[in-house]
Amino acid sequence: MKINLRINKYIPVALAAFVILIIVSCKMSEPKITYGFLQLVQYQGDAGLQEYFSFFILPEDDDGIENLDELFLYHDREQLRWNIKSDEWLRYVYDGKEWIGTRSLALPQGSLPQGVYRAVLVNKGGESSQRNFTFDGVVRYPFPELRISGGSYTVISQWPVNRFVCYDSSGNYIYTITLDSLTGNVSQLRLPSNTLTVALWAEDEDNYCSAFTDVVPLY
């Protein structure tokens, strides 16, 4: 009986230690935004040029990316808010690290504002972290043009970097190639044999801005 009393005496202490351990574990599992970027993209639409943001972050979570649930982006001054859920965001791997985000943030009307944006990353346990990003990019070049005729291509662009984005007959993405020349023969580019259409992706990397044209058939 005395032994049982001694055990009971230490139960509250053990429970307290267990609760502390749980709290510490929860704190350690908070997600983290290691790095991120915003890029303004101009698209050629039926109603004229449309602006979108590409927004990607490099996340960290002790339980892995699968434990992440939501990504929010705020522009507090303009009272703007976007919510990207885990089943909606895009994922890609670069240099062995996995990024998450979206290429389709936009406003119903008007241009996307400059200034400070606040990103909030939330995991499935409800824990979160945030990080601020500043976007001051301005589109400095006219929207580019792409022409293809008789097996030759012509790009009219003042943008520093110009690429062809290739698609197959079903509209699926295949390949991206950086152009060394704004004019030439399509055959010299050695595009994948199943390429049916291409779009021009022009980019101002230093200013985090880009432009994306409609697709053009190769033949």
C-alpha atoms as a PDB file:
ATOM      1  CA  MET A   1       0.000   0.000   0.000  1.00  0.00           C
ATOM      2  CA  LYS A   2       2.871   2.371   0.768  1.00  0.00           C
ATOM      3  CA  ILE A   3       4.388   1.674  -2.641  1.00  0.00           C
ATOM      4  CA  ASN A   4       1.141   2.659  -4.367  1.00  0.00           C
ATOM      5  CA  LEU A   5       0.991   5.868  -2.352  1.00  0.00           C
ATOM      6  CA  ARG A   6       4.509   6.760  -3.448  1.00  0.00           C
ATOM      7  CA  ILE A   7       3.617   6.127  -7.081  1.00  0.00           C
ATOM      8  CA  ASN A   8       0.486   8.265  -6.812  1.00  0.00           C
ATOM      9  CA  LYS A   9       2.563  11.010  -5.272  1.00  0.00           C
ATOM     10  CA  TYR A  10       4.682  11.335  -8.404  1.00  0.00           C
ATOM     11  CA  ILE A  11       1.862  11.053 -10.955  1.00  0.00           C
ATOM     12  CA  PRO A  12       1.138  14.850 -11.008  1.00  0.00           C
ATOM     13  CA  VAL A  13       4.824  15.555 -11.617  1.00  0.00           C
ATOM     14  CA  ALA A  14       4.968  13.055 -14.470  1.00  0.00           C
ATOM     15  CA  LEU A  15       1.823  14.499 -16.030  1.00  0.00           C
ATOM     16  CA  ALA A  16       3.206  18.014 -15.820  1.00  0.00           C
ATOM     17  CA  ALA A  17       6.416  16.918 -17.519  1.00  0.00           C
ATOM     18  CA  PHE A  18       4.374  15.204 -20.237  1.00  0.00           C
ATOM     19  CA  VAL A  19       2.327  18.356 -20.854  1.00  0.00           C
ATOM     20  CA  ILE A  20       5.516  20.451 -21.071  1.00  0.00           C
ATOM     21  CA  LEU A  21       6.927  17.979 -23.578  1.00  0.00           C
ATOM     22  CA  ILE A  22       3.802  18.295 -25.743  1.00  0.00           C
ATOM     23  CA  ILE A  23       3.991  22.109 -25.671  1.00  0.00           C
ATOM     24  CA  VAL A  24       7.657  22.101 -26.630  1.00  0.00           C
ATOM     25  CA  SER A  25       6.971  19.652 -29.468  1.00  0.00           C
ATOM     26  CA  CYS A  26       4.189  21.842 -30.814  1.00  0.00           C
ATOM     27  CA  LYS A  27       6.426  24.892 -30.832  1.00  0.00           C
ATOM     28  CA  MET A  28       9.118  23.026 -32.713  1.00  0.00           C
ATOM     29  CA  SER A  29       6.647  22.001 -35.425  1.00  0.00           C
ATOM     30  CA  GLU A  30       5.681  25.547 -36.412  1.00  0.00           C
ATOM     31  CA  PRO A  31       6.136  26.077 -40.160  1.00  0.00           C
ATOM     32  CA  LYS A  32       8.660  28.536 -41.537  1.00  0.00           C
ATOM     33  CA  ILE A  33       8.911  30.637 -44.690  1.00  0.00           C
ATOM     34  CA  THR A  34      12.606  30.465 -45.551  1.00  0.00           C
ATOM     35  CA  TYR A  35      12.450  32.537 -48.712  1.00  0.00           C
ATOM     36  CA  GLY A  36       9.944  33.721 -51.291  1.00  0.00           C
ATOM     37  CA  PHE A  37       9.346  35.976 -54.252  1.00  0.00           C
ATOM     38  CA  LEU A  38       6.629  37.862 -56.105  1.00  0.00           C
ATOM     39  CA  GLN A  39       6.736  38.237 -59.887  1.00  0.00           C
ATOM     40  CA  LEU A  40       4.372  40.345 -61.982  1.00  0.00           C
ATOM     41  CA  VAL A  41       3.247  38.609 -65.177  1.00  0.00           C
ATOM     42  CA  GLN A  42       1.439  40.273 -68.080  1.00  0.00           C
ATOM     43  CA  TYR A  43      -0.810  37.998 -70.149  1.00  0.00           C
ATOM     44  CA  GLN A  44      -2.413  38.577 -73.510  1.00  0.00           C
ATOM     45  CA  GLY A  45      -6.173  38.319 -72.950  1.00  0.00           C
ATOM     46  CA  ASP A  46      -9.339  38.870 -74.966  1.00  0.00           C
ATOM     47  CA  ALA A  47      -9.934  42.156 -73.154  1.00  0.00           C
ATOM     48  CA  GLY A  48      -6.325  43.337 -73.497  1.00  0.00           C
ATOM     49  CA  LEU A  49      -3.354  42.882 -71.222  1.00  0.00           C
ATOM     50  CA  GLN A  50      -4.049  41.261 -67.861  1.00  0.00           C
ATOM     51  CA  GLU A  51      -1.792  41.276 -64.809  1.00  0.00           C
ATOM     52  CA  TYR A  52      -1.166  38.378 -62.460  1.00  0.00           C
ATOM     53  CA  PHE A  53       1.258  37.643 -59.652  1.00  0.00           C
ATOM     54  CA  SER A  54       3.370  34.552 -59.440  1.00  0.00           C
ATOM     55  CA  PHE A  55       3.969  33.983 -55.734  1.00  0.00           C
ATOM     56  CA  PHE A  56       6.186  31.185 -54.424  1.00  0.00           C
ATOM     57  CA  ILE A  57       7.809  30.409 -51.089  1.00  0.00           C
ATOM     58  CA  LEU A  58      10.394  27.946 -49.856  1.00  0.00           C
ATOM     59  CA  PRO A  59       8.689  26.397 -46.783  1.00  0.00           C
ATOM     60  CA  GLU A  60       9.986  24.400 -43.839  1.00  0.00           C
ATOM     61  CA  ASP A  61       8.012  22.153 -41.504  1.00  0.00           C
ATOM     62  CA  ASP A  62       9.299  19.455 -39.172  1.00  0.00           C
ATOM     63  CA  ASP A  63       6.553  17.133 -40.408  1.00  0.00           C
ATOM     64  CA  GLY A  64       7.161  17.857 -44.101  1.00  0.00           C
ATOM     65  CA  ILE A  65       5.334  19.806 -46.781  1.00  0.00           C
ATOM     66  CA  GLU A  66       2.394  17.406 -46.601  1.00  0.00           C
ATOM     67  CA  ASN A  67       1.670  18.854 -43.139  1.00  0.00           C
ATOM     68  CA  LEU A  68       1.130  22.343 -44.594  1.00  0.00           C
ATOM     69  CA  ASP A  69      -2.455  23.458 -45.135  1.00  0.00           C
ATOM     70  CA  GLU A  70      -2.866  27.069 -46.289  1.00  0.00           C
ATOM     71  CA  LEU A  71      -0.849  29.962 -47.628  1.00  0.00           C
ATOM     72  CA  PHE A  72      -2.177  33.508 -47.287  1.00  0.00           C
ATOM     73  CA  LEU A  73      -0.949  36.700 -48.922  1.00  0.00           C
ATOM     74  CA  TYR A  74      -2.004  40.137 -47.678  1.00  0.00           C
ATOM     75  CA  HIS A  75      -1.467  43.694 -48.851  1.00  0.00           C
ATOM     76  CA  ASP A  76      -2.506  45.381 -45.636  1.00  0.00           C
ATOM     77  CA  ARG A  77      -2.440  48.958 -46.925  1.00  0.00           C
ATOM     78  CA  GLU A  78      -4.877  48.158 -49.742  1.00  0.00           C
ATOM     79  CA  GLN A  79      -6.798  45.604 -47.619  1.00  0.00           C
ATOM     80  CA  LEU A  80      -6.193  42.795 -50.110  1.00  0.00           C
ATOM     81  CA  ARG A  81      -6.186  39.114 -49.186  1.00  0.00           C
ATOM     82  CA  TRP A  82      -5.579  35.900 -51.120  1.00  0.00           C
ATOM     83  CA  ASN A  83      -5.907  32.373 -49.731  1.00  0.00           C
ATOM     84  CA  ILE A  84      -4.128  29.477 -51.477  1.00  0.00           C
ATOM     85  CA  LYS A  85      -5.071  26.070 -50.082  1.00  0.00           C
ATOM     86  CA  SER A  86      -2.760  23.075 -50.241  1.00  0.00           C
ATOM     87  CA  ASP A  87      -4.821  21.352 -52.946  1.00  0.00           C
ATOM     88  CA  GLU A  88      -4.578  24.483 -55.108  1.00  0.00           C
ATOM     89  CA  TRP A  89      -0.930  25.488 -54.908  1.00  0.00           C
ATOM     90  CA  LEU A  90       1.708  24.510 -57.446  1.00  0.00           C
ATOM     91  CA  ARG A  91       4.842  22.648 -56.412  1.00  0.00           C
ATOM     92  CA  TYR A  92       8.207  22.525 -58.130  1.00  0.00           C
ATOM     93  CA  VAL A  93      11.714  21.425 -57.197  1.00  0.00           C
ATOM     94  CA  TYR A  94      14.742  23.616 -57.869  1.00  0.00           C
ATOM     95  CA  ASP A  95      18.266  22.831 -56.715  1.00  0.00           C
ATOM     96  CA  GLY A  96      16.939  19.996 -54.566  1.00  0.00           C
ATOM     97  CA  LYS A  97      14.443  22.199 -52.687  1.00  0.00           C
ATOM     98  CA  GLU A  98      10.674  22.184 -53.082  1.00  0.00           C
ATOM     99  CA  TRP A  99       8.748  25.420 -53.597  1.00  0.00           C
ATOM    100  CA  ILE A 100       5.002  25.984 -53.256  1.00  0.00           C
ATOM    101  CA  GLY A 101       2.794  28.778 -54.549  1.00  0.00           C
ATOM    102  CA  THR A 102       0.643  29.973 -57.426  1.00  0.00           C
ATOM    103  CA  ARG A 103       0.847  31.815 -60.746  1.00  0.00           C
ATOM    104  CA  SER A 104      -2.699  33.191 -60.749  1.00  0.00           C
ATOM    105  CA  LEU A 105      -3.100  35.961 -58.163  1.00  0.00           C
ATOM    106  CA  ALA A 106      -5.046  38.843 -59.662  1.00  0.00           C
ATOM    107  CA  LEU A 107      -7.561  41.612 -59.051  1.00  0.00           C
ATOM    108  CA  PRO A 108     -10.992  41.837 -60.715  1.00  0.00           C
ATOM    109  CA  GLN A 109     -10.070  45.338 -61.883  1.00  0.00           C
ATOM    110  CA  GLY A 110      -6.988  47.510 -61.894  1.00  0.00           C
ATOM    111  CA  SER A 111      -3.303  46.815 -61.454  1.00  0.00           C
ATOM    112  CA  LEU A 112      -1.681  44.967 -58.594  1.00  0.00           C
ATOM    113  CA  PRO A 113      -0.270  47.430 -56.053  1.00  0.00           C
ATOM    114  CA  GLN A 114       3.363  47.864 -55.146  1.00  0.00           C
ATOM    115  CA  GLY A 115       4.656  47.922 -51.593  1.00  0.00           C
ATOM    116  CA  VAL A 116       4.782  45.439 -48.733  1.00  0.00           C
ATOM    117  CA  TYR A 117       3.004  42.081 -48.922  1.00  0.00           C
ATOM    118  CA  ARG A 118       2.637  39.804 -45.894  1.00  0.00           C
ATOM    119  CA  ALA A 119       2.693  36.040 -46.340  1.00  0.00           C
ATOM    120  CA  VAL A 120       1.273  33.689 -43.685  1.00  0.00           C
ATOM    121  CA  LEU A 121       1.902  29.937 -43.794  1.00  0.00           C
ATOM    122  CA  VAL A 122      -0.387  27.647 -41.763  1.00  0.00           C
ATOM    123  CA  ASN A 123       0.023  23.919 -41.103  1.00  0.00           C
ATOM    124  CA  LYS A 124      -2.678  21.353 -40.417  1.00  0.00           C
ATOM    125  CA  GLY A 125      -2.247  21.814 -36.677  1.00  0.00           C
ATOM    126  CA  GLY A 126      -3.202  25.478 -36.965  1.00  0.00           C
ATOM    127  CA  GLU A 127       0.307  26.761 -36.240  1.00  0.00           C
ATOM    128  CA  SER A 128       1.558  29.574 -38.439  1.00  0.00           C
ATOM    129  CA  SER A 129       4.412  31.905 -39.261  1.00  0.00           C
ATOM    130  CA  GLN A 130       4.650  34.985 -41.424  1.00  0.00           C
ATOM    131  CA  ARG A 131       7.142  36.934 -43.501  1.00  0.00           C
ATOM    132  CA  ASN A 132       7.011  40.238 -45.384  1.00  0.00           C
ATOM    133  CA  PHE A 133       7.921  40.717 -49.033  1.00  0.00           C
ATOM    134  CA  THR A 134       8.345  43.988 -50.908  1.00  0.00           C
ATOM    135  CA  PHE A 135       7.376  44.330 -54.546  1.00  0.00           C
ATOM    136  CA  ASP A 136       8.391  47.544 -56.311  1.00  0.00           C
ATOM    137  CA  GLY A 137       8.699  46.188 -59.844  1.00  0.00           C
ATOM    138  CA  VAL A 138       7.545  48.274 -62.791  1.00  0.00           C
ATOM    139  CA  VAL A 139       7.041  46.933 -66.320  1.00  0.00           C
ATOM    140  CA  ARG A 140       9.734  48.740 -68.285  1.00  0.00           C
ATOM    141  CA  TYR A 141       9.211  47.321 -71.770  1.00  0.00           C
ATOM    142  CA  PRO A 142       6.368  47.175 -74.321  1.00  0.00           C
ATOM    143  CA  PHE A 143       4.494  43.905 -74.580  1.00  0.00           C
ATOM    144  CA  PRO A 144       6.408  41.612 -76.997  1.00  0.00           C
ATOM    145  CA  GLU A 145       5.191  39.977 -80.204  1.00  0.00           C
ATOM    146  CA  LEU A 146       5.803  36.539 -81.703  1.00  0.00           C
ATOM    147  CA  ARG A 147       5.404  35.735 -85.399  1.00  0.00           C
ATOM    148  CA  ILE A 148       5.989  32.390 -87.104  1.00  0.00           C
ATOM    149  CA  SER A 149       5.615  31.847 -90.841  1.00  0.00           C
ATOM    150  CA  GLY A 150       7.150  29.486 -93.383  1.00  0.00           C
ATOM    151  CA  GLY A 151       9.299  27.751 -90.806  1.00  0.00           C
ATOM    152  CA  SER A 152      10.864  31.019 -89.580  1.00  0.00           C
ATOM    153  CA  TYR A 153      10.209  32.932 -86.365  1.00  0.00           C
ATOM    154  CA  THR A 154      10.444  36.622 -85.503  1.00  0.00           C
ATOM    155  CA  VAL A 155      10.329  38.011 -81.978  1.00  0.00           C
ATOM    156  CA  ILE A 156       9.736  41.725 -81.445  1.00  0.00           C
ATOM    157  CA  SER A 157      10.909  42.306 -77.892  1.00  0.00           C
ATOM    158  CA  GLN A 158      12.977  44.729 -75.837  1.00  0.00           C
ATOM    159  CA  TRP A 159      12.926  42.411 -72.819  1.00  0.00           C
ATOM    160  CA  PRO A 160      16.346  41.180 -71.594  1.00  0.00           C
ATOM    161  CA  VAL A 161      15.454  37.449 -71.694  1.00  0.00           C
ATOM    162  CA  ASN A 162      13.175  35.734 -74.195  1.00  0.00           C
ATOM    163  CA  ARG A 163      12.088  32.094 -74.154  1.00  0.00           C
ATOM    164  CA  PHE A 164       9.888  29.743 -76.157  1.00  0.00           C
ATOM    165  CA  VAL A 165       7.434  27.674 -74.105  1.00  0.00           C
ATOM    166  CA  CYS A 166       6.462  24.558 -76.050  1.00  0.00           C
ATOM    167  CA  TYR A 167       3.154  22.652 -75.998  1.00  0.00           C
ATOM    168  CA  ASP A 168       1.902  19.452 -77.651  1.00  0.00           C
ATOM    169  CA  SER A 169      -1.303  18.896 -79.632  1.00  0.00           C
ATOM    170  CA  SER A 170      -3.317  18.606 -76.389  1.00  0.00           C
ATOM    171  CA  GLY A 171      -1.984  21.885 -75.021  1.00  0.00           C
ATOM    172  CA  ASN A 172       0.264  20.161 -72.487  1.00  0.00           C
ATOM    173  CA  TYR A 173       3.525  21.846 -71.538  1.00  0.00           C
ATOM    174  CA  ILE A 174       6.615  20.106 -72.948  1.00  0.00           C
ATOM    175  CA  TYR A 175       9.722  22.240 -72.848  1.00  0.00           C
ATOM    176  CA  THR A 176      11.202  25.730 -72.411  1.00  0.00           C
ATOM    177  CA  ILE A 177      14.139  27.077 -74.395  1.00  0.00           C
ATOM    178  CA  THR A 178      15.965  30.416 -74.071  1.00  0.00           C
ATOM    179  CA  LEU A 179      16.403  32.187 -77.405  1.00  0.00           C
ATOM    180  CA  ASP A 180      19.871  33.303 -78.443  1.00  0.00           C
ATOM    181  CA  SER A 181      18.455  35.225 -81.402  1.00  0.00           C
ATOM    182  CA  LEU A 182      15.170  37.038 -81.975  1.00  0.00           C
ATOM    183  CA  THR A 183      14.947  35.732 -85.545  1.00  0.00           C
ATOM    184  CA  GLY A 184      15.792  32.432 -87.199  1.00  0.00           C
ATOM    185  CA  ASN A 185      14.595  29.094 -88.477  1.00  0.00           C
ATOM    186  CA  VAL A 186      12.439  27.033 -86.149  1.00  0.00           C
ATOM    187  CA  SER A 187      14.298  23.876 -87.176  1.00  0.00           C
ATOM    188  CA  GLN A 188      17.560  25.269 -85.780  1.00  0.00           C
ATOM    189  CA  LEU A 189      16.046  25.435 -82.286  1.00  0.00           C
ATOM    190  CA  ARG A 190      15.800  21.625 -82.119  1.00  0.00           C
ATOM    191  CA  LEU A 191      12.456  21.692 -80.312  1.00  0.00           C
ATOM    192  CA  PRO A 192      10.883  18.393 -79.193  1.00  0.00           C
ATOM    193  CA  SER A 193       9.323  16.604 -82.172  1.00  0.00           C
ATOM    194  CA  ASN A 194       5.818  16.664 -80.614  1.00  0.00           C
ATOM    195  CA  THR A 195       5.800  20.475 -80.288  1.00  0.00           C
ATOM    196  CA  LEU A 196       2.749  21.910 -82.053  1.00  0.00           C
ATOM    197  CA  THR A 197       2.513  25.438 -80.620  1.00  0.00           C
ATOM    198  CA  VAL A 198       4.811  27.835 -78.763  1.00  0.00           C
ATOM    199  CA  ALA A 199       4.301  30.954 -76.662  1.00  0.00           C
ATOM    200  CA  LEU A 200       6.825  33.678 -75.968  1.00  0.00           C
ATOM    201  CA  TRP A 201       7.859  34.211 -72.369  1.00  0.00           C
ATOM    202  CA  ALA A 202       9.793  37.476 -72.022  1.00  0.00           C
ATOM    203  CA  GLU A 203      11.362  38.279 -68.679  1.00  0.00           C
ATOM    204  CA  ASP A 204      12.986  41.149 -66.811  1.00  0.00           C
ATOM    205  CA  GLU A 205      14.639  39.065 -64.106  1.00  0.00           C
ATOM    206  CA  ASP A 206      16.153  41.984 -62.174  1.00  0.00           C
ATOM    207  CA  ASN A 207      12.773  43.701 -61.909  1.00  0.00           C
ATOM    208  CA  TYR A 208      10.646  40.581 -61.219  1.00  0.00           C
ATOM    209  CA  CYS A 209       8.409  41.205 -64.230  1.00  0.00           C
ATOM    210  CA  SER A 210       7.570  39.086 -67.257  1.00  0.00           C
ATOM    211  CA  ALA A 211       5.228  38.918 -70.250  1.00  0.00           C
ATOM    212  CA  PHE A 212       3.529  35.887 -71.737  1.00  0.00           C
ATOM    213  CA  THR A 213       2.001  35.860 -75.236  1.00  0.00           C
ATOM    214  CA  ASP A 214      -0.711  33.702 -76.771  1.00  0.00           C
ATOM    215  CA  VAL A 215       0.419  30.459 -78.359  1.00  0.00           C
ATOM    216  CA  VAL A 216       1.345  30.448 -82.028  1.00  0.00           C
ATOM    217  CA  PRO A 217       1.304  27.323 -84.253  1.00  0.00           C
ATOM    218  CA  LEU A 218       4.682  26.232 -85.596  1.00  0.00           C
ATOM    219  CA  TYR A 219       3.306  25.209 -89.004  1.00  0.00           C
END
